[in-house]
N, C-alpha and C. Protein backbone atom coordinates (compact mmCIF):
# COMPACT_ATOMS: atom_id res chain seq x y z
N UNK A 1 116.31 -28.90 42.87
CA UNK A 1 116.81 -27.81 44.03
C UNK A 1 115.94 -27.36 44.78
N UNK A 2 114.30 -27.59 44.77
CA UNK A 2 113.41 -27.53 45.88
C UNK A 2 113.49 -28.33 46.77
N UNK A 3 113.98 -29.62 46.63
CA UNK A 3 114.13 -30.88 47.56
C UNK A 3 114.04 -32.03 46.95
N UNK A 4 113.63 -32.94 48.07
CA UNK A 4 112.65 -34.47 47.52
C UNK A 4 111.42 -34.20 47.37
N UNK A 5 110.73 -34.83 46.58
CA UNK A 5 109.27 -35.15 46.52
C UNK A 5 109.13 -36.20 46.88
N UNK A 6 108.03 -36.45 48.33
CA UNK A 6 107.80 -37.43 49.11
C UNK A 6 106.26 -37.67 48.94
N UNK A 7 105.48 -38.71 49.31
CA UNK A 7 104.01 -38.82 49.43
C UNK A 7 104.09 -39.18 50.74
N UNK A 8 102.74 -38.86 51.37
CA UNK A 8 102.81 -39.33 52.79
C UNK A 8 101.01 -39.92 53.01
N UNK A 9 101.00 -40.76 53.71
CA UNK A 9 99.69 -41.16 54.32
C UNK A 9 98.53 -40.09 55.19
N UNK A 10 99.87 -39.10 55.58
CA UNK A 10 99.21 -38.11 56.47
C UNK A 10 99.30 -36.87 55.74
N UNK A 11 98.61 -35.64 55.60
CA UNK A 11 98.67 -34.59 55.50
C UNK A 11 99.25 -33.74 56.24
N UNK A 12 100.13 -33.16 55.73
CA UNK A 12 101.48 -32.04 56.38
C UNK A 12 101.36 -30.87 56.26
N UNK A 13 102.17 -29.85 56.43
CA UNK A 13 101.96 -28.70 56.80
C UNK A 13 103.77 -28.04 56.42
N UNK A 14 103.75 -27.26 55.68
CA UNK A 14 105.15 -26.38 55.21
C UNK A 14 105.34 -25.82 56.31
N UNK A 15 107.25 -26.05 56.72
CA UNK A 15 108.05 -25.89 57.93
C UNK A 15 107.81 -26.92 58.77
N UNK A 16 107.17 -27.82 58.78
CA UNK A 16 107.30 -29.16 59.63
C UNK A 16 108.57 -29.48 59.58
N UNK A 17 109.41 -30.06 60.47
CA UNK A 17 110.35 -30.91 60.55
C UNK A 17 109.82 -32.22 60.95
N UNK A 18 110.50 -33.27 60.37
CA UNK A 18 110.05 -34.53 60.47
C UNK A 18 111.38 -35.33 60.03
N UNK A 19 111.24 -37.20 60.06
CA UNK A 19 112.12 -37.88 59.70
C UNK A 19 111.58 -38.78 59.25
N UNK A 20 112.22 -38.66 57.70
CA UNK A 20 111.98 -39.94 56.74
C UNK A 20 113.09 -41.18 56.93
N UNK A 21 112.06 -42.43 56.62
CA UNK A 21 112.90 -43.55 56.38
C UNK A 21 112.64 -43.83 54.86
N UNK A 22 113.60 -43.61 54.39
CA UNK A 22 113.94 -44.60 52.98
C UNK A 22 114.60 -45.38 52.64
N UNK A 23 114.19 -46.54 52.13
CA UNK A 23 114.52 -47.84 51.89
C UNK A 23 115.98 -48.04 51.35
N UNK A 24 117.00 -48.76 52.17
CA UNK A 24 118.11 -48.69 51.12
C UNK A 24 119.02 -47.49 51.45
N UNK A 25 118.40 -46.44 52.05
CA UNK A 25 119.44 -45.17 52.27
C UNK A 25 119.42 -44.80 53.98
N UNK A 26 118.41 -44.75 54.66
CA UNK A 26 118.03 -44.72 55.98
C UNK A 26 117.30 -43.50 56.38
N UNK A 27 117.60 -42.99 57.65
CA UNK A 27 116.90 -41.79 57.95
C UNK A 27 117.25 -40.61 57.75
N UNK A 28 116.59 -39.63 57.20
CA UNK A 28 116.61 -38.31 56.72
C UNK A 28 115.85 -37.47 57.56
N UNK A 29 116.60 -36.08 58.10
CA UNK A 29 115.95 -35.17 58.60
C UNK A 29 115.53 -34.19 57.38
N UNK A 30 114.44 -34.22 57.51
CA UNK A 30 113.67 -33.07 56.62
C UNK A 30 112.75 -32.10 57.46
N UNK A 31 112.83 -30.76 56.53
CA UNK A 31 111.97 -29.88 56.53
C UNK A 31 111.01 -29.60 55.25
N UNK A 32 109.75 -29.48 55.56
CA UNK A 32 108.84 -29.54 54.69
C UNK A 32 108.52 -28.09 53.96
N UNK A 33 109.03 -28.18 52.28
CA UNK A 33 108.90 -26.75 51.68
C UNK A 33 107.58 -26.48 51.63
N UNK A 34 106.78 -27.37 50.53
CA UNK A 34 105.67 -27.22 50.33
C UNK A 34 104.71 -28.57 50.25
N UNK A 35 103.18 -28.38 50.29
CA UNK A 35 102.51 -29.81 50.19
C UNK A 35 101.61 -29.49 48.77
N UNK A 36 100.98 -30.65 48.38
CA UNK A 36 99.89 -30.68 47.48
C UNK A 36 99.29 -31.75 47.97
N UNK A 37 98.21 -31.80 48.50
CA UNK A 37 97.55 -32.86 49.22
C UNK A 37 98.58 -33.62 49.97
N UNK A 38 98.57 -34.85 49.59
CA UNK A 38 99.35 -35.77 50.23
C UNK A 38 100.56 -35.75 49.86
N UNK A 39 101.19 -35.13 48.57
CA UNK A 39 102.48 -35.09 48.48
C UNK A 39 103.25 -33.76 49.03
N UNK A 40 104.37 -33.72 49.31
CA UNK A 40 105.16 -32.69 49.68
C UNK A 40 106.60 -32.78 49.21
N UNK A 41 107.48 -32.00 49.44
CA UNK A 41 108.47 -31.64 49.27
C UNK A 41 109.37 -31.16 50.51
N UNK A 42 110.53 -31.98 50.63
CA UNK A 42 111.23 -31.65 51.90
C UNK A 42 112.83 -31.56 51.51
N UNK A 43 113.22 -30.41 52.25
CA UNK A 43 114.73 -30.00 51.84
C UNK A 43 115.22 -30.80 53.18
N UNK A 44 116.31 -31.70 52.93
CA UNK A 44 117.44 -32.48 53.57
C UNK A 44 117.76 -31.39 54.88
N UNK A 45 117.86 -31.97 56.10
CA UNK A 45 118.96 -30.98 56.94
C UNK A 45 120.22 -32.08 57.10
N UNK A 46 120.88 -31.19 57.24
CA UNK A 46 122.22 -31.44 57.77
C UNK A 46 123.59 -31.07 56.92
N UNK A 47 123.30 -30.28 56.25
CA UNK A 47 124.35 -29.53 55.52
C UNK A 47 125.04 -30.15 54.43
N UNK A 48 126.11 -29.55 53.43
CA UNK A 48 126.75 -30.23 52.38
C UNK A 48 127.00 -31.78 52.39
N UNK A 49 127.76 -32.19 53.78
CA UNK A 49 128.27 -33.52 53.76
C UNK A 49 127.03 -34.48 53.79
N UNK A 50 125.88 -33.99 54.56
CA UNK A 50 124.66 -35.13 54.27
C UNK A 50 123.96 -34.96 52.57
N UNK A 51 124.18 -33.92 52.22
CA UNK A 51 123.58 -33.99 51.17
C UNK A 51 124.54 -34.35 49.91
N UNK A 52 125.83 -34.58 50.19
CA UNK A 52 127.01 -35.13 48.99
C UNK A 52 126.77 -36.76 49.42
N UNK A 53 126.61 -37.00 50.42
CA UNK A 53 126.47 -38.27 50.97
C UNK A 53 125.38 -39.08 50.16
N UNK A 54 124.07 -38.39 50.40
CA UNK A 54 122.54 -39.00 50.29
C UNK A 54 122.89 -38.97 48.34
N UNK A 55 123.00 -37.96 47.85
CA UNK A 55 123.69 -37.96 45.98
C UNK A 55 124.34 -39.13 45.82
N UNK A 56 125.30 -39.78 46.77
CA UNK A 56 126.30 -40.72 46.25
C UNK A 56 125.14 -41.79 46.40
N UNK A 57 124.53 -42.03 47.45
CA UNK A 57 123.89 -43.28 47.52
C UNK A 57 122.60 -43.60 46.51
N UNK A 58 121.78 -42.24 46.14
CA UNK A 58 121.04 -42.14 44.94
C UNK A 58 121.80 -42.64 44.01
N UNK A 59 122.66 -42.22 43.51
CA UNK A 59 123.62 -42.83 42.05
C UNK A 59 123.84 -44.14 42.36
N UNK A 60 124.07 -44.55 43.57
CA UNK A 60 124.65 -45.96 43.48
C UNK A 60 123.41 -46.95 43.34
N UNK A 61 122.11 -46.53 44.03
CA UNK A 61 120.93 -47.37 43.80
C UNK A 61 120.44 -47.17 42.50
N UNK A 62 120.57 -45.98 41.76
CA UNK A 62 120.26 -46.23 40.16
C UNK A 62 120.97 -47.12 39.39
N UNK A 63 122.29 -47.25 39.48
CA UNK A 63 122.91 -48.04 38.97
C UNK A 63 122.85 -49.24 39.22
N UNK A 64 122.34 -49.89 40.56
CA UNK A 64 122.22 -51.13 40.45
C UNK A 64 120.66 -51.72 40.11
N UNK A 65 119.88 -50.49 39.52
CA UNK A 65 118.73 -50.81 38.98
C UNK A 65 118.67 -51.53 37.46
N UNK A 66 120.05 -51.20 36.96
CA UNK A 66 120.23 -51.67 35.50
C UNK A 66 118.81 -51.61 34.72
N UNK A 67 118.40 -50.16 34.80
CA UNK A 67 117.27 -49.97 33.79
C UNK A 67 117.92 -49.74 32.14
N UNK A 68 116.88 -50.52 31.60
CA UNK A 68 117.38 -50.33 30.14
C UNK A 68 116.19 -49.36 29.38
N UNK A 69 116.63 -48.66 28.53
CA UNK A 69 115.43 -48.22 28.08
C UNK A 69 114.29 -49.17 27.10
N UNK A 70 113.57 -48.43 27.43
CA UNK A 70 112.22 -48.69 26.66
C UNK A 70 112.22 -48.75 25.53
N UNK A 71 111.75 -49.89 24.44
CA UNK A 71 112.21 -50.00 22.99
C UNK A 71 111.03 -48.86 22.60
N UNK A 72 111.44 -48.21 21.42
CA UNK A 72 110.56 -47.46 20.82
C UNK A 72 109.57 -48.29 19.75
N UNK A 73 108.46 -47.72 20.13
CA UNK A 73 107.40 -48.37 19.42
C UNK A 73 107.08 -47.69 17.77
N UNK A 74 107.64 -48.59 16.88
CA UNK A 74 107.09 -47.94 15.64
C UNK A 74 105.83 -47.99 14.76
N UNK A 75 105.28 -49.16 15.27
CA UNK A 75 103.81 -48.78 14.49
C UNK A 75 102.72 -48.92 15.61
N UNK A 76 101.73 -48.29 15.18
CA UNK A 76 100.05 -48.18 16.03
C UNK A 76 99.84 -49.33 16.48
N UNK A 77 99.48 -49.43 18.16
CA UNK A 77 98.94 -50.45 18.31
C UNK A 77 97.29 -50.15 18.16
N UNK A 78 96.26 -51.64 18.00
CA UNK A 78 94.86 -51.23 17.94
C UNK A 78 94.29 -52.38 18.69
N UNK A 79 92.93 -52.30 19.24
CA UNK A 79 92.36 -53.20 20.04
C UNK A 79 91.10 -53.69 18.80
N UNK A 80 91.57 -54.99 18.05
CA UNK A 80 90.29 -55.41 17.36
C UNK A 80 89.44 -56.10 17.81
N UNK A 81 88.20 -56.12 17.13
CA UNK A 81 86.95 -56.54 17.54
C UNK A 81 87.18 -57.96 17.93
N UNK A 82 87.94 -59.03 16.83
CA UNK A 82 87.98 -60.14 17.21
C UNK A 82 89.10 -60.30 18.16
N UNK A 83 89.05 -60.69 19.54
CA UNK A 83 89.87 -60.89 20.56
C UNK A 83 90.33 -62.05 20.78
N UNK A 84 89.51 -63.27 20.42
CA UNK A 84 89.78 -64.51 20.87
C UNK A 84 90.58 -64.96 19.72
N UNK A 85 91.59 -65.86 19.71
CA UNK A 85 92.15 -66.23 18.74
C UNK A 85 92.85 -67.65 19.21
N UNK A 86 93.53 -68.55 17.97
CA UNK A 86 93.79 -69.85 18.12
C UNK A 86 95.62 -69.45 18.27
N UNK A 87 96.11 -69.87 19.13
CA UNK A 87 97.77 -69.76 19.66
C UNK A 87 98.14 -71.09 19.30
N UNK A 88 99.09 -71.44 18.31
CA UNK A 88 99.76 -73.00 18.39
C UNK A 88 101.06 -72.95 18.40
N UNK A 89 101.78 -74.22 19.24
CA UNK A 89 103.17 -74.17 19.42
C UNK A 89 103.37 -75.03 18.06
N UNK A 90 104.72 -74.99 17.83
CA UNK A 90 104.94 -75.38 16.45
C UNK A 90 104.87 -77.29 16.56
N UNK A 91 104.79 -77.78 17.36
CA UNK A 91 104.59 -79.31 17.98
C UNK A 91 102.80 -79.40 17.31
N UNK A 92 101.78 -78.59 17.00
CA UNK A 92 100.66 -78.47 17.11
C UNK A 92 99.77 -78.36 17.83
N UNK A 93 100.19 -78.36 19.48
CA UNK A 93 99.17 -78.07 20.63
C UNK A 93 98.57 -76.60 20.74
N UNK A 94 97.71 -76.46 20.62
CA UNK A 94 96.89 -75.18 20.23
C UNK A 94 95.70 -74.85 21.44
N UNK A 95 95.63 -73.57 21.79
CA UNK A 95 95.02 -73.12 23.08
C UNK A 95 94.51 -71.50 22.74
N UNK A 96 93.35 -71.69 23.26
CA UNK A 96 92.98 -69.90 22.93
C UNK A 96 93.94 -68.75 23.69
N UNK A 97 94.01 -67.59 23.10
CA UNK A 97 94.73 -66.37 23.40
C UNK A 97 93.43 -65.43 23.26
N UNK A 98 93.92 -64.41 24.29
CA UNK A 98 93.00 -63.46 24.16
C UNK A 98 94.12 -62.10 23.73
N UNK A 99 93.77 -61.41 22.24
CA UNK A 99 94.32 -60.80 21.95
C UNK A 99 93.99 -59.14 22.60
N UNK A 100 95.36 -58.49 23.38
CA UNK A 100 95.02 -57.17 24.04
C UNK A 100 95.18 -55.82 22.85
N UNK A 101 96.04 -56.23 22.19
CA UNK A 101 96.42 -55.07 21.12
C UNK A 101 97.11 -55.65 20.03
N UNK A 102 97.14 -55.06 18.63
CA UNK A 102 97.85 -55.33 17.49
C UNK A 102 98.68 -54.54 17.10
N UNK A 103 99.60 -54.38 16.60
CA UNK A 103 100.36 -53.53 15.18
C UNK A 103 100.49 -54.60 14.23
N UNK A 104 101.20 -53.73 13.34
CA UNK A 104 101.62 -54.32 12.04
C UNK A 104 102.91 -55.08 12.43
N UNK A 105 103.51 -54.87 13.50
CA UNK A 105 104.86 -55.61 13.56
C UNK A 105 104.94 -56.96 14.74
N UNK A 106 103.54 -56.81 15.84
CA UNK A 106 103.53 -57.51 16.58
C UNK A 106 102.29 -57.71 17.38
N UNK A 107 101.89 -58.78 18.40
CA UNK A 107 100.48 -58.42 19.22
C UNK A 107 100.79 -58.93 20.69
N UNK A 108 99.64 -58.21 21.22
CA UNK A 108 100.04 -58.69 22.76
C UNK A 108 99.08 -59.86 23.27
N UNK A 109 99.06 -60.94 23.98
CA UNK A 109 98.35 -61.89 24.08
C UNK A 109 97.98 -62.51 25.63
N UNK A 110 96.97 -62.28 26.04
CA UNK A 110 96.84 -63.02 27.40
C UNK A 110 96.81 -64.47 27.33
N UNK A 111 97.74 -65.10 27.83
CA UNK A 111 97.30 -66.91 27.59
C UNK A 111 97.43 -67.49 28.79
N UNK A 112 96.83 -68.67 29.25
CA UNK A 112 96.98 -69.41 30.34
C UNK A 112 98.04 -70.39 30.53
N UNK A 113 98.95 -70.26 30.10
CA UNK A 113 100.00 -71.21 30.09
C UNK A 113 101.52 -70.21 29.71
N UNK A 114 102.75 -70.59 30.55
CA UNK A 114 104.11 -70.19 29.95
C UNK A 114 104.56 -70.23 28.58
N UNK A 115 105.20 -69.23 28.07
CA UNK A 115 105.84 -69.12 26.66
C UNK A 115 107.30 -68.97 26.60
N UNK A 116 108.16 -69.78 26.42
CA UNK A 116 109.39 -69.26 27.07
C UNK A 116 109.78 -68.30 25.63
N UNK A 117 110.79 -66.95 25.91
CA UNK A 117 111.21 -66.06 25.11
C UNK A 117 111.58 -66.97 24.17
N UNK A 118 111.43 -66.59 22.94
CA UNK A 118 112.18 -67.04 21.64
C UNK A 118 111.17 -68.50 21.19
N UNK A 119 110.31 -68.66 21.58
CA UNK A 119 109.23 -69.42 21.10
C UNK A 119 108.66 -69.31 20.12
N UNK A 120 108.67 -69.67 18.73
CA UNK A 120 107.70 -69.49 17.85
C UNK A 120 106.37 -70.09 18.06
N UNK A 121 105.21 -69.09 17.74
CA UNK A 121 103.97 -69.51 17.69
C UNK A 121 103.24 -69.28 16.82
N UNK A 122 102.23 -69.84 16.48
CA UNK A 122 101.06 -69.52 15.54
C UNK A 122 99.84 -68.45 16.22
N UNK A 123 99.83 -67.11 15.54
CA UNK A 123 98.95 -66.65 16.32
C UNK A 123 97.70 -66.16 14.80
N UNK A 124 96.43 -67.05 15.28
CA UNK A 124 95.46 -67.05 13.99
C UNK A 124 96.49 -67.98 12.90
N UNK A 125 96.45 -67.19 12.21
CA UNK A 125 97.21 -67.57 10.56
C UNK A 125 98.89 -66.94 10.59
N UNK A 126 98.94 -66.04 11.60
CA UNK A 126 100.49 -65.32 11.62
C UNK A 126 101.61 -66.21 12.38
N UNK A 127 102.67 -66.71 12.02
CA UNK A 127 103.53 -66.74 12.91
C UNK A 127 104.38 -65.22 13.58
N UNK A 128 104.60 -65.97 15.03
CA UNK A 128 105.36 -64.66 15.97
C UNK A 128 106.49 -65.50 16.65
N UNK A 129 107.19 -64.81 17.06
CA UNK A 129 108.18 -65.29 18.20
C UNK A 129 107.89 -64.56 19.50
N UNK A 130 107.90 -65.17 20.61
CA UNK A 130 107.70 -64.57 21.72
C UNK A 130 109.07 -63.75 22.17
N UNK A 131 108.85 -62.30 22.50
CA UNK A 131 110.05 -61.26 22.97
C UNK A 131 109.98 -60.99 24.48
N UNK A 132 108.69 -61.22 24.79
CA UNK A 132 108.57 -60.40 26.30
C UNK A 132 107.36 -61.15 27.00
N UNK A 133 107.67 -60.77 28.25
CA UNK A 133 106.51 -61.60 29.38
C UNK A 133 105.96 -60.34 29.99
N UNK A 134 104.61 -60.55 30.63
CA UNK A 134 103.94 -59.49 31.31
C UNK A 134 103.05 -60.35 32.09
N UNK A 135 102.34 -59.95 33.01
CA UNK A 135 101.49 -60.65 33.74
C UNK A 135 100.23 -61.48 33.06
N UNK A 136 100.32 -62.68 33.31
CA UNK A 136 99.39 -63.36 32.43
C UNK A 136 99.69 -63.28 30.75
N UNK A 137 100.41 -62.90 30.41
CA UNK A 137 100.47 -62.75 28.94
C UNK A 137 101.89 -62.71 28.48
N UNK A 138 101.81 -62.42 27.09
CA UNK A 138 103.31 -62.25 26.47
C UNK A 138 102.80 -61.28 25.04
N UNK A 139 104.24 -60.65 24.76
CA UNK A 139 104.48 -59.70 23.70
C UNK A 139 105.15 -60.58 22.81
N UNK A 140 104.45 -60.75 21.49
CA UNK A 140 105.50 -61.28 20.52
C UNK A 140 105.19 -61.06 19.18
N UNK A 141 106.51 -60.84 18.15
CA UNK A 141 106.75 -60.04 17.18
C UNK A 141 106.39 -61.24 15.91
N UNK A 142 105.56 -60.48 15.05
CA UNK A 142 104.82 -61.32 13.87
C UNK A 142 106.56 -61.79 13.13
N UNK A 143 106.94 -62.85 12.72
CA UNK A 143 107.76 -63.25 11.50
C UNK A 143 107.75 -62.22 9.99
N UNK A 144 106.57 -62.00 9.76
CA UNK A 144 106.23 -61.15 8.86
C UNK A 144 105.24 -60.07 9.18
N UNK A 145 105.73 -59.28 9.48
CA UNK A 145 104.91 -58.13 9.93
C UNK A 145 103.76 -57.59 8.69
N UNK A 146 102.62 -57.55 9.05
CA UNK A 146 101.46 -56.84 8.26
C UNK A 146 101.95 -55.19 7.65
N UNK A 147 101.49 -55.08 6.76
CA UNK A 147 101.39 -53.92 5.70
C UNK A 147 100.53 -53.17 6.62
N UNK A 148 100.87 -51.39 7.12
CA UNK A 148 100.46 -51.21 8.18
C UNK A 148 98.56 -51.03 8.07
N UNK A 149 98.65 -50.52 6.95
CA UNK A 149 97.00 -50.04 6.32
C UNK A 149 96.33 -51.30 6.73
N UNK A 150 96.95 -52.46 7.24
CA UNK A 150 96.08 -53.70 6.76
C UNK A 150 95.59 -53.79 8.52
N UNK A 151 96.38 -53.11 9.46
CA UNK A 151 95.87 -53.09 10.85
C UNK A 151 94.55 -52.17 11.22
N UNK A 152 93.70 -53.08 11.30
CA UNK A 152 92.32 -52.20 11.60
C UNK A 152 91.21 -52.70 12.85
N UNK A 153 90.52 -52.34 13.02
CA UNK A 153 89.61 -53.16 14.19
C UNK A 153 89.07 -54.33 13.61
N UNK A 154 88.64 -54.26 12.30
CA UNK A 154 87.93 -55.18 11.57
C UNK A 154 88.98 -56.54 11.08
N UNK A 155 90.18 -55.97 11.37
CA UNK A 155 90.96 -57.51 11.18
C UNK A 155 90.74 -58.76 12.10
N UNK A 156 91.26 -59.93 11.18
CA UNK A 156 91.63 -61.29 12.00
C UNK A 156 92.49 -61.62 11.53
N UNK A 157 93.34 -62.12 12.50
CA UNK A 157 94.25 -63.06 12.72
C UNK A 157 94.11 -64.20 11.91
């Protein structure tokens, strides 16, 4: 209702008129309604037609993102004291991994090699399946989860 929230490299003042360039949308004529530091809210100039067109473009862009809901975390995650763990592939090749966090159902590891989604690995003494990738690491789900009370800082995998 207030307008669109933006962030600028410059400090702006309410009442200023400016042109904003939004990737995949184009140029918008905006009047600054309020500011807070480098953030500001601008109302779009150009009437109902411009607003309807802009809303349609935003809906199209949102649909193109194919956002999937973030999975719900069932178990609390902790950071164990023992962070270095042996990670082994089914063929027996082993390498070190760094535990970022662990829960009853899985572990987040920094590793120095690519592990394909679905790969079964042994993390310490626990079998797990690689479920996701992130920068320099993987998230793996244990094939047999821990009991929740077995997950604590002093645990060893």
